[in-house]
């Protein structure tokens, strides 16, 4: 029988993967708005997503193997990704121009 910690980790991994797919879908939607529904926009998102996975595994893979608590490291990385996910749309949020404010 599996321990409750293993079930919790499995659930967290599931939600992490689901969140990553939601991010990928949002990136595709944003590129649709910028460039239209083209094969190039979807290819760009998939290539960037896969490059990020590969670079992250290459860059942090060996460090994670030597870390004394790899699950804690993974948790901190997930928290950092979550913070980036909240902060980055706020940085890109369209702001009203000064000329539009003066016209109102």
PDB file of N, CA and C in Angstrom:
ATOM      1  N   UNK A   1       0.839  -1.181   0.000  1.00  0.00           N
ATOM      2  CA  UNK A   1       0.000   0.000   0.000  1.00  0.00           C
ATOM      3  C   UNK A   1       0.889   1.252   0.000  1.00  0.00           C
ATOM      4  N   UNK A   2       0.483   2.254  -0.725  1.00  0.00           N
ATOM      5  CA  UNK A   2       1.269   3.468  -0.851  1.00  0.00           C
ATOM      6  C   UNK A   2       1.076   4.363   0.362  1.00  0.00           C
ATOM      7  N   UNK A   3       2.126   5.059   0.711  1.00  0.00           N
ATOM      8  CA  UNK A   3       2.039   5.966   1.848  1.00  0.00           C
ATOM      9  C   UNK A   3       1.307   7.242   1.446  1.00  0.00           C
ATOM     10  N   UNK A   4       0.884   7.984   2.446  1.00  0.00           N
ATOM     11  CA  UNK A   4       0.169   9.226   2.161  1.00  0.00           C
ATOM     12  C   UNK A   4       1.104  10.260   1.535  1.00  0.00           C
ATOM     13  N   UNK A   5       2.400  10.223   1.883  1.00  0.00           N
ATOM     14  CA  UNK A   5       3.349  11.161   1.275  1.00  0.00           C
ATOM     15  C   UNK A   5       3.493  10.880  -0.220  1.00  0.00           C
ATOM     16  N   UNK A   6       3.541   9.611  -0.612  1.00  0.00           N
ATOM     17  CA  UNK A   6       3.649   9.270  -2.032  1.00  0.00           C
ATOM     18  C   UNK A   6       2.407   9.701  -2.786  1.00  0.00           C
ATOM     19  N   UNK A   7       1.256   9.547  -2.170  1.00  0.00           N
ATOM     20  CA  UNK A   7       0.015  10.010  -2.823  1.00  0.00           C
ATOM     21  C   UNK A   7      -0.002  11.518  -2.975  1.00  0.00           C
ATOM     22  N   UNK A   8       0.476  12.221  -1.945  1.00  0.00           N
ATOM     23  CA  UNK A   8       0.522  13.676  -2.020  1.00  0.00           C
ATOM     24  C   UNK A   8       1.468  14.129  -3.124  1.00  0.00           C
ATOM     25  N   UNK A   9       2.654  13.511  -3.208  1.00  0.00           N
ATOM     26  CA  UNK A   9       3.586  13.862  -4.272  1.00  0.00           C
ATOM     27  C   UNK A   9       3.000  13.566  -5.647  1.00  0.00           C
ATOM     28  N   UNK A  10       2.307  12.465  -5.782  1.00  0.00           N
ATOM     29  CA  UNK A  10       1.679  12.130  -7.065  1.00  0.00           C
ATOM     30  C   UNK A  10       0.638  13.172  -7.446  1.00  0.00           C
ATOM     31  N   UNK A  11      -0.137  13.601  -6.488  1.00  0.00           N
ATOM     32  CA  UNK A  11      -1.151  14.624  -6.738  1.00  0.00           C
ATOM     33  C   UNK A  11      -0.501  15.954  -7.120  1.00  0.00           C
ATOM     34  N   UNK A  12       0.564  16.311  -6.421  1.00  0.00           N
ATOM     35  CA  UNK A  12       1.265  17.557  -6.742  1.00  0.00           C
ATOM     36  C   UNK A  12       1.904  17.508  -8.127  1.00  0.00           C
ATOM     37  N   UNK A  13       2.478  16.374  -8.501  1.00  0.00           N
ATOM     38  CA  UNK A  13       3.039  16.229  -9.847  1.00  0.00           C
ATOM     39  C   UNK A  13       1.946  16.348 -10.905  1.00  0.00           C
ATOM     40  N   UNK A  14       0.781  15.769 -10.625  1.00  0.00           N
ATOM     41  CA  UNK A  14      -0.332  15.856 -11.570  1.00  0.00           C
ATOM     42  C   UNK A  14      -0.744  17.309 -11.780  1.00  0.00           C
ATOM     43  N   UNK A  15      -0.920  18.054 -10.701  1.00  0.00           N
ATOM     44  CA  UNK A  15      -1.337  19.448 -10.825  1.00  0.00           C
ATOM     45  C   UNK A  15      -0.242  20.315 -11.448  1.00  0.00           C
ATOM     46  N   UNK A  16       1.006  19.964 -11.212  1.00  0.00           N
ATOM     47  CA  UNK A  16       2.099  20.690 -11.851  1.00  0.00           C
ATOM     48  C   UNK A  16       2.051  20.505 -13.366  1.00  0.00           C
ATOM     49  N   UNK A  17       1.850  19.282 -13.816  1.00  0.00           N
ATOM     50  CA  UNK A  17       1.747  19.028 -15.258  1.00  0.00           C
ATOM     51  C   UNK A  17       0.528  19.676 -15.874  1.00  0.00           C
ATOM     52  N   UNK A  18      -0.594  19.648 -15.155  1.00  0.00           N
ATOM     53  CA  UNK A  18      -1.814  20.282 -15.665  1.00  0.00           C
ATOM     54  C   UNK A  18      -1.625  21.790 -15.783  1.00  0.00           C
ATOM     55  N   UNK A  19      -0.956  22.382 -14.811  1.00  0.00           N
ATOM     56  CA  UNK A  19      -0.687  23.815 -14.861  1.00  0.00           C
ATOM     57  C   UNK A  19       0.228  24.153 -16.034  1.00  0.00           C
ATOM     58  N   UNK A  20       1.216  23.316 -16.294  1.00  0.00           N
ATOM     59  CA  UNK A  20       2.109  23.551 -17.424  1.00  0.00           C
ATOM     60  C   UNK A  20       1.340  23.511 -18.744  1.00  0.00           C
ATOM     61  N   UNK A  21       0.394  22.602 -18.865  1.00  0.00           N
ATOM     62  CA  UNK A  21      -0.412  22.550 -20.087  1.00  0.00           C
ATOM     63  C   UNK A  21      -1.310  23.768 -20.220  1.00  0.00           C
ATOM     64  N   UNK A  22      -1.815  24.278 -19.104  1.00  0.00           N
ATOM     65  CA  UNK A  22      -2.625  25.501 -19.142  1.00  0.00           C
ATOM     66  C   UNK A  22      -1.767  26.677 -19.599  1.00  0.00           C
ATOM     67  N   UNK A  23      -0.524  26.769 -19.067  1.00  0.00           N
ATOM     68  CA  UNK A  23       0.384  27.821 -19.524  1.00  0.00           C
ATOM     69  C   UNK A  23       0.627  27.712 -21.022  1.00  0.00           C
ATOM     70  N   UNK A  24       0.860  26.521 -21.503  1.00  0.00           N
ATOM     71  CA  UNK A  24       1.118  26.338 -22.927  1.00  0.00           C
ATOM     72  C   UNK A  24      -0.090  26.783 -23.755  1.00  0.00           C
ATOM     73  N   UNK A  25      -1.272  26.455 -23.308  1.00  0.00           N
ATOM     74  CA  UNK A  25      -2.477  26.880 -24.010  1.00  0.00           C
ATOM     75  C   UNK A  25      -2.613  28.401 -24.006  1.00  0.00           C
ATOM     76  N   UNK A  26      -2.311  29.029 -22.890  1.00  0.00           N
ATOM     77  CA  UNK A  26      -2.378  30.487 -22.835  1.00  0.00           C
ATOM     78  C   UNK A  26      -1.354  31.137 -23.751  1.00  0.00           C
ATOM     79  N   UNK A  27      -0.155  30.565 -23.840  1.00  0.00           N
ATOM     80  CA  UNK A  27       0.849  31.114 -24.748  1.00  0.00           C
ATOM     81  C   UNK A  27       0.383  31.005 -26.191  1.00  0.00           C
ATOM     82  N   UNK A  28      -0.240  29.881 -26.543  1.00  0.00           N
ATOM     83  CA  UNK A  28      -0.758  29.718 -27.903  1.00  0.00           C
ATOM     84  C   UNK A  28      -1.838  30.756 -28.177  1.00  0.00           C
ATOM     85  N   UNK A  29      -2.714  30.975 -27.217  1.00  0.00           N
ATOM     86  CA  UNK A  29      -3.776  31.978 -27.410  1.00  0.00           C
ATOM     87  C   UNK A  29      -3.206  33.375 -27.587  1.00  0.00           C
ATOM     88  N   UNK A  30      -2.174  33.705 -26.808  1.00  0.00           N
ATOM     89  CA  UNK A  30      -1.555  35.021 -26.958  1.00  0.00           C
ATOM     90  C   UNK A  30      -0.901  35.181 -28.325  1.00  0.00           C
ATOM     91  N   UNK A  31      -0.253  34.131 -28.810  1.00  0.00           N
ATOM     92  CA  UNK A  31       0.340  34.222 -30.143  1.00  0.00           C
ATOM     93  C   UNK A  31      -0.717  34.257 -31.235  1.00  0.00           C
ATOM     94  N   UNK A  32      -1.856  33.614 -31.004  1.00  0.00           N
ATOM     95  CA  UNK A  32      -2.954  33.714 -31.971  1.00  0.00           C
ATOM     96  C   UNK A  32      -3.389  35.167 -32.117  1.00  0.00           C
ATOM     97  N   UNK A  33      -3.447  35.880 -31.003  1.00  0.00           N
ATOM     98  CA  UNK A  33      -3.855  37.280 -31.063  1.00  0.00           C
ATOM     99  C   UNK A  33      -2.813  38.130 -31.781  1.00  0.00           C
ATOM    100  N   UNK A  34      -1.541  37.786 -31.603  1.00  0.00           N
ATOM    101  CA  UNK A  34      -0.485  38.591 -32.208  1.00  0.00           C
ATOM    102  C   UNK A  34      -0.247  38.249 -33.675  1.00  0.00           C
ATOM    103  N   UNK A  35      -0.245  36.946 -34.009  1.00  0.00           N
ATOM    104  CA  UNK A  35       0.142  36.530 -35.353  1.00  0.00           C
ATOM    105  C   UNK A  35      -0.952  35.802 -36.114  1.00  0.00           C
ATOM    106  N   UNK A  36      -2.053  35.507 -35.478  1.00  0.00           N
ATOM    107  CA  UNK A  36      -3.100  34.735 -36.119  1.00  0.00           C
ATOM    108  C   UNK A  36      -2.912  33.251 -35.869  1.00  0.00           C
ATOM    109  N   UNK A  37      -3.932  32.490 -36.232  1.00  0.00           N
ATOM    110  CA  UNK A  37      -3.904  31.042 -36.008  1.00  0.00           C
ATOM    111  C   UNK A  37      -3.084  30.380 -37.095  1.00  0.00           C
ATOM    112  N   UNK A  38      -1.781  30.328 -36.895  1.00  0.00           N
ATOM    113  CA  UNK A  38      -0.889  29.744 -37.890  1.00  0.00           C
ATOM    114  C   UNK A  38      -0.117  28.585 -37.280  1.00  0.00           C
ATOM    115  N   UNK A  39       0.419  27.777 -38.150  1.00  0.00           N
ATOM    116  CA  UNK A  39       1.245  26.657 -37.715  1.00  0.00           C
ATOM    117  C   UNK A  39       2.504  27.186 -37.040  1.00  0.00           C
ATOM    118  N   UNK A  40       3.014  28.306 -37.520  1.00  0.00           N
ATOM    119  CA  UNK A  40       4.233  28.868 -36.951  1.00  0.00           C
ATOM    120  C   UNK A  40       4.046  29.281 -35.503  1.00  0.00           C
ATOM    121  N   UNK A  41       2.892  29.843 -35.144  1.00  0.00           N
ATOM    122  CA  UNK A  41       2.678  30.269 -33.765  1.00  0.00           C
ATOM    123  C   UNK A  41       2.610  29.072 -32.819  1.00  0.00           C
ATOM    124  N   UNK A  42       1.951  28.001 -33.237  1.00  0.00           N
ATOM    125  CA  UNK A  42       1.890  26.802 -32.401  1.00  0.00           C
ATOM    126  C   UNK A  42       3.259  26.143 -32.319  1.00  0.00           C
ATOM    127  N   UNK A  43       3.975  26.103 -33.438  1.00  0.00           N
ATOM    128  CA  UNK A  43       5.311  25.514 -33.448  1.00  0.00           C
ATOM    129  C   UNK A  43       6.254  26.290 -32.542  1.00  0.00           C
ATOM    130  N   UNK A  44       6.142  27.605 -32.525  1.00  0.00           N
ATOM    131  CA  UNK A  44       6.979  28.427 -31.659  1.00  0.00           C
ATOM    132  C   UNK A  44       6.738  28.100 -30.197  1.00  0.00           C
ATOM    133  N   UNK A  45       5.475  27.968 -29.810  1.00  0.00           N
ATOM    134  CA  UNK A  45       5.154  27.662 -28.416  1.00  0.00           C
ATOM    135  C   UNK A  45       5.663  26.274 -28.034  1.00  0.00           C
ATOM    136  N   UNK A  46       5.417  25.290 -28.863  1.00  0.00           N
ATOM    137  CA  UNK A  46       5.853  23.926 -28.546  1.00  0.00           C
ATOM    138  C   UNK A  46       7.373  23.858 -28.490  1.00  0.00           C
ATOM    139  N   UNK A  47       8.054  24.535 -29.425  1.00  0.00           N
ATOM    140  CA  UNK A  47       9.520  24.524 -29.420  1.00  0.00           C
ATOM    141  C   UNK A  47      10.072  25.211 -28.172  1.00  0.00           C
ATOM    142  N   UNK A  48       9.483  26.340 -27.788  1.00  0.00           N
ATOM    143  CA  UNK A  48       9.944  27.032 -26.581  1.00  0.00           C
ATOM    144  C   UNK A  48       9.682  26.192 -25.335  1.00  0.00           C
ATOM    145  N   UNK A  49       8.541  25.535 -25.294  1.00  0.00           N
ATOM    146  CA  UNK A  49       8.188  24.689 -24.153  1.00  0.00           C
ATOM    147  C   UNK A  49       9.165  23.518 -24.032  1.00  0.00           C
ATOM    148  N   UNK A  50       9.416  22.843 -25.143  1.00  0.00           N
ATOM    149  CA  UNK A  50      10.339  21.701 -25.117  1.00  0.00           C
ATOM    150  C   UNK A  50      11.774  22.151 -24.840  1.00  0.00           C
ATOM    151  N   UNK A  51      12.168  23.296 -25.375  1.00  0.00           N
ATOM    152  CA  UNK A  51      13.508  23.814 -25.088  1.00  0.00           C
ATOM    153  C   UNK A  51      13.651  24.140 -23.604  1.00  0.00           C
ATOM    154  N   UNK A  52      12.610  24.689 -23.013  1.00  0.00           N
ATOM    155  CA  UNK A  52      12.638  24.966 -21.581  1.00  0.00           C
ATOM    156  C   UNK A  52      12.750  23.705 -20.751  1.00  0.00           C
ATOM    157  N   UNK A  53      12.029  22.669 -21.150  1.00  0.00           N
ATOM    158  CA  UNK A  53      12.144  21.393 -20.437  1.00  0.00           C
ATOM    159  C   UNK A  53      13.551  20.817 -20.562  1.00  0.00           C
ATOM    160  N   UNK A  54      14.081  20.840 -21.770  1.00  0.00           N
ATOM    161  CA  UNK A  54      15.414  20.289 -21.997  1.00  0.00           C
ATOM    162  C   UNK A  54      16.504  21.070 -21.281  1.00  0.00           C
ATOM    163  N   UNK A  55      16.449  22.398 -21.377  1.00  0.00           N
ATOM    164  CA  UNK A  55      17.451  23.218 -20.704  1.00  0.00           C
ATOM    165  C   UNK A  55      17.354  23.095 -19.190  1.00  0.00           C
ATOM    166  N   UNK A  56      16.137  23.037 -18.668  1.00  0.00           N
ATOM    167  CA  UNK A  56      15.968  22.866 -17.228  1.00  0.00           C
ATOM    168  C   UNK A  56      16.503  21.535 -16.748  1.00  0.00           C
ATOM    169  N   UNK A  57      16.261  20.480 -17.497  1.00  0.00           N
ATOM    170  CA  UNK A  57      16.777  19.166 -17.119  1.00  0.00           C
ATOM    171  C   UNK A  57      18.304  19.136 -17.211  1.00  0.00           C
ATOM    172  N   UNK A  58      18.852  19.772 -18.240  1.00  0.00           N
ATOM    173  CA  UNK A  58      20.301  19.791 -18.397  1.00  0.00           C
ATOM    174  C   UNK A  58      20.967  20.632 -17.307  1.00  0.00           C
ATOM    175  N   UNK A  59      20.392  21.808 -17.031  1.00  0.00           N
ATOM    176  CA  UNK A  59      21.009  22.742 -16.109  1.00  0.00           C
ATOM    177  C   UNK A  59      20.829  22.318 -14.651  1.00  0.00           C
ATOM    178  N   UNK A  60      19.637  21.859 -14.290  1.00  0.00           N
ATOM    179  CA  UNK A  60      19.359  21.524 -12.900  1.00  0.00           C
ATOM    180  C   UNK A  60      19.387  20.031 -12.597  1.00  0.00           C
ATOM    181  N   UNK A  61      19.493  19.201 -13.602  1.00  0.00           N
ATOM    182  CA  UNK A  61      19.440  17.759 -13.375  1.00  0.00           C
ATOM    183  C   UNK A  61      20.526  17.252 -12.454  1.00  0.00           C
ATOM    184  N   UNK A  62      21.758  17.615 -12.740  1.00  0.00           N
ATOM    185  CA  UNK A  62      22.866  17.155 -11.904  1.00  0.00           C
ATOM    186  C   UNK A  62      22.838  17.797 -10.528  1.00  0.00           C
ATOM    187  N   UNK A  63      22.424  19.048 -10.464  1.00  0.00           N
ATOM    188  CA  UNK A  63      22.325  19.718  -9.163  1.00  0.00           C
ATOM    189  C   UNK A  63      21.248  19.068  -8.299  1.00  0.00           C
ATOM    190  N   UNK A  64      20.149  18.688  -8.916  1.00  0.00           N
ATOM    191  CA  UNK A  64      19.068  18.056  -8.155  1.00  0.00           C
ATOM    192  C   UNK A  64      19.490  16.682  -7.653  1.00  0.00           C
ATOM    193  N   UNK A  65      20.287  15.968  -8.428  1.00  0.00           N
ATOM    194  CA  UNK A  65      20.761  14.660  -7.981  1.00  0.00           C
ATOM    195  C   UNK A  65      21.660  14.763  -6.754  1.00  0.00           C
ATOM    196  N   UNK A  66      22.402  15.857  -6.629  1.00  0.00           N
ATOM    197  CA  UNK A  66      23.309  16.027  -5.489  1.00  0.00           C
ATOM    198  C   UNK A  66      22.670  16.744  -4.316  1.00  0.00           C
ATOM    199  N   UNK A  67      21.458  17.278  -4.502  1.00  0.00           N
ATOM    200  CA  UNK A  67      20.801  18.031  -3.433  1.00  0.00           C
ATOM    201  C   UNK A  67      20.387  17.074  -2.316  1.00  0.00           C
ATOM    202  N   UNK A  68      20.553  17.476  -1.046  1.00  0.00           N
ATOM    203  CA  UNK A  68      20.194  16.565   0.046  1.00  0.00           C
ATOM    204  C   UNK A  68      18.686  16.306   0.149  1.00  0.00           C
ATOM    205  N   UNK A  69      17.878  17.263  -0.301  1.00  0.00           N
ATOM    206  CA  UNK A  69      16.416  17.084  -0.259  1.00  0.00           C
ATOM    207  C   UNK A  69      15.831  17.464  -1.616  1.00  0.00           C
ATOM    208  N   UNK A  70      15.855  16.556  -2.591  1.00  0.00           N
ATOM    209  CA  UNK A  70      15.400  16.903  -3.945  1.00  0.00           C
ATOM    210  C   UNK A  70      13.924  17.274  -4.009  1.00  0.00           C
ATOM    211  N   UNK A  71      13.090  16.690  -3.157  1.00  0.00           N
ATOM    212  CA  UNK A  71      11.662  17.046  -3.179  1.00  0.00           C
ATOM    213  C   UNK A  71      11.459  18.491  -2.716  1.00  0.00           C
ATOM    214  N   UNK A  72      12.238  18.925  -1.729  1.00  0.00           N
ATOM    215  CA  UNK A  72      12.146  20.315  -1.277  1.00  0.00           C
ATOM    216  C   UNK A  72      12.628  21.273  -2.360  1.00  0.00           C
ATOM    217  N   UNK A  73      13.701  20.888  -3.061  1.00  0.00           N
ATOM    218  CA  UNK A  73      14.185  21.706  -4.171  1.00  0.00           C
ATOM    219  C   UNK A  73      13.114  21.839  -5.245  1.00  0.00           C
ATOM    220  N   UNK A  74      12.470  20.735  -5.574  1.00  0.00           N
ATOM    221  CA  UNK A  74      11.403  20.764  -6.564  1.00  0.00           C
ATOM    222  C   UNK A  74      10.250  21.663  -6.112  1.00  0.00           C
ATOM    223  N   UNK A  75       9.930  21.579  -4.836  1.00  0.00           N
ATOM    224  CA  UNK A  75       8.861  22.434  -4.307  1.00  0.00           C
ATOM    225  C   UNK A  75       9.197  23.909  -4.427  1.00  0.00           C
ATOM    226  N   UNK A  76      10.436  24.274  -4.102  1.00  0.00           N
ATOM    227  CA  UNK A  76      10.841  25.673  -4.231  1.00  0.00           C
ATOM    228  C   UNK A  76      10.843  26.128  -5.688  1.00  0.00           C
ATOM    229  N   UNK A  77      11.243  25.250  -6.575  1.00  0.00           N
ATOM    230  CA  UNK A  77      11.197  25.603  -7.999  1.00  0.00           C
ATOM    231  C   UNK A  77       9.764  25.800  -8.478  1.00  0.00           C
ATOM    232  N   UNK A  78       8.853  24.969  -8.001  1.00  0.00           N
ATOM    233  CA  UNK A  78       7.440  25.127  -8.369  1.00  0.00           C
ATOM    234  C   UNK A  78       6.878  26.436  -7.822  1.00  0.00           C
ATOM    235  N   UNK A  79       7.270  26.803  -6.616  1.00  0.00           N
ATOM    236  CA  UNK A  79       6.832  28.082  -6.051  1.00  0.00           C
ATOM    237  C   UNK A  79       7.364  29.237  -6.891  1.00  0.00           C
ATOM    238  N   UNK A  80       8.627  29.145  -7.320  1.00  0.00           N
ATOM    239  CA  UNK A  80       9.206  30.198  -8.168  1.00  0.00           C
ATOM    240  C   UNK A  80       8.467  30.294  -9.498  1.00  0.00           C
ATOM    241  N   UNK A  81       8.110  29.162 -10.078  1.00  0.00           N
ATOM    242  CA  UNK A  81       7.347  29.168 -11.336  1.00  0.00           C
ATOM    243  C   UNK A  81       5.973  29.789 -11.116  1.00  0.00           C
ATOM    244  N   UNK A  82       5.344  29.476 -10.002  1.00  0.00           N
ATOM    245  CA  UNK A  82       4.038  30.062  -9.698  1.00  0.00           C
ATOM    246  C   UNK A  82       4.108  31.571  -9.537  1.00  0.00           C
ATOM    247  N   UNK A  83       5.144  32.049  -8.847  1.00  0.00           N
ATOM    248  CA  UNK A  83       5.314  33.500  -8.692  1.00  0.00           C
ATOM    249  C   UNK A  83       5.542  34.149 -10.043  1.00  0.00           C
ATOM    250  N   UNK A  84       6.374  33.530 -10.874  1.00  0.00           N
ATOM    251  CA  UNK A  84       6.600  34.064 -12.215  1.00  0.00           C
ATOM    252  C   UNK A  84       5.303  34.079 -13.019  1.00  0.00           C
ATOM    253  N   UNK A  85       4.485  33.043 -12.855  1.00  0.00           N
ATOM    254  CA  UNK A  85       3.218  32.979 -13.570  1.00  0.00           C
ATOM    255  C   UNK A  85       2.249  34.067 -13.162  1.00  0.00           C
ATOM    256  N   UNK A  86       2.343  34.525 -11.921  1.00  0.00           N
ATOM    257  CA  UNK A  86       1.472  35.606 -11.452  1.00  0.00           C
ATOM    258  C   UNK A  86       2.039  36.966 -11.847  1.00  0.00           C
ATOM    259  N   UNK A  87       3.356  37.115 -11.746  1.00  0.00           N
ATOM    260  CA  UNK A  87       3.984  38.413 -11.985  1.00  0.00           C
ATOM    261  C   UNK A  87       4.093  38.743 -13.468  1.00  0.00           C
ATOM    262  N   UNK A  88       4.409  37.767 -14.314  1.00  0.00           N
ATOM    263  CA  UNK A  88       4.654  38.065 -15.726  1.00  0.00           C
ATOM    264  C   UNK A  88       3.431  38.609 -16.456  1.00  0.00           C
ATOM    265  N   UNK A  89       2.215  38.103 -16.246  1.00  0.00           N
ATOM    266  CA  UNK A  89       1.089  38.746 -16.931  1.00  0.00           C
ATOM    267  C   UNK A  89       0.845  40.167 -16.445  1.00  0.00           C
ATOM    268  N   UNK A  90       1.141  40.427 -15.169  1.00  0.00           N
ATOM    269  CA  UNK A  90       0.968  41.784 -14.656  1.00  0.00           C
ATOM    270  C   UNK A  90       1.942  42.741 -15.331  1.00  0.00           C
ATOM    271  N   UNK A  91       3.139  42.262 -15.647  1.00  0.00           N
ATOM    272  CA  UNK A  91       4.120  43.110 -16.332  1.00  0.00           C
ATOM    273  C   UNK A  91       3.722  43.372 -17.774  1.00  0.00           C
ATOM    274  N   UNK A  92       2.998  42.438 -18.380  1.00  0.00           N
ATOM    275  CA  UNK A  92       2.598  42.583 -19.780  1.00  0.00           C
ATOM    276  C   UNK A  92       1.192  43.155 -19.943  1.00  0.00           C
ATOM    277  N   UNK A  93       0.506  43.405 -18.834  1.00  0.00           N
ATOM    278  CA  UNK A  93      -0.870  43.882 -18.897  1.00  0.00           C
ATOM    279  C   UNK A  93      -0.915  45.220 -19.612  1.00  0.00           C
ATOM    280  N   UNK A  94      -1.841  45.385 -20.561  1.00  0.00           N
ATOM    281  CA  UNK A  94      -1.886  46.659 -21.293  1.00  0.00           C
ATOM    282  C   UNK A  94      -2.310  47.804 -20.380  1.00  0.00           C
ATOM    283  N   UNK A  95      -1.566  48.870 -20.461  1.00  0.00           N
ATOM    284  CA  UNK A  95      -1.872  50.056 -19.653  1.00  0.00           C
ATOM    285  C   UNK A  95      -2.484  51.118 -20.564  1.00  0.00           C
ATOM    286  N   UNK A  96      -3.429  51.878 -20.052  1.00  0.00           N
ATOM    287  CA  UNK A  96      -3.990  52.948 -20.899  1.00  0.00           C
ATOM    288  C   UNK A  96      -2.928  54.008 -21.186  1.00  0.00           C
ATOM    289  N   UNK A  97      -2.954  54.494 -22.399  1.00  0.00           N
ATOM    290  CA  UNK A  97      -1.987  55.524 -22.752  1.00  0.00           C
ATOM    291  C   UNK A  97      -2.398  56.846 -22.130  1.00  0.00           C
ATOM    292  N   UNK A  98      -1.448  57.742 -22.023  1.00  0.00           N
ATOM    293  CA  UNK A  98      -1.741  59.056 -21.427  1.00  0.00           C
ATOM    294  C   UNK A  98      -2.732  59.841 -22.287  1.00  0.00           C
ATOM    295  N   UNK A  99      -2.627  59.660 -23.595  1.00  0.00           N
ATOM    296  CA  UNK A  99      -3.534  60.415 -24.462  1.00  0.00           C
ATOM    297  C   UNK A  99      -4.973  59.954 -24.272  1.00  0.00           C
ATOM    298  N   UNK A 100      -5.188  58.655 -24.026  1.00  0.00           N
ATOM    299  CA  UNK A 100      -6.535  58.165 -23.788  1.00  0.00           C
ATOM    300  C   UNK A 100      -7.067  58.682 -22.463  1.00  0.00           C
ATOM    301  N   UNK A 101      -6.212  58.836 -21.463  1.00  0.00           N
ATOM    302  CA  UNK A 101      -6.637  59.359 -20.165  1.00  0.00           C
ATOM    303  C   UNK A 101      -7.030  60.818 -20.274  1.00  0.00           C
ATOM    304  N   UNK A 102      -6.319  61.580 -21.109  1.00  0.00           N
ATOM    305  CA  UNK A 102      -6.635  62.990 -21.257  1.00  0.00           C
ATOM    306  C   UNK A 102      -7.936  63.199 -22.022  1.00  0.00           C
ATOM    307  N   UNK A 103      -8.296  62.272 -22.901  1.00  0.00           N
ATOM    308  CA  UNK A 103      -9.506  62.405 -23.692  1.00  0.00           C
ATOM    309  C   UNK A 103     -10.760  62.112 -22.885  1.00  0.00           C
ATOM    310  N   UNK A 104     -10.645  61.332 -21.845  1.00  0.00           N
ATOM    311  CA  UNK A 104     -11.815  60.922 -21.061  1.00  0.00           C
ATOM    312  C   UNK A 104     -12.368  62.017 -20.211  1.00  0.00           C
TER     313      UNK A 104
END
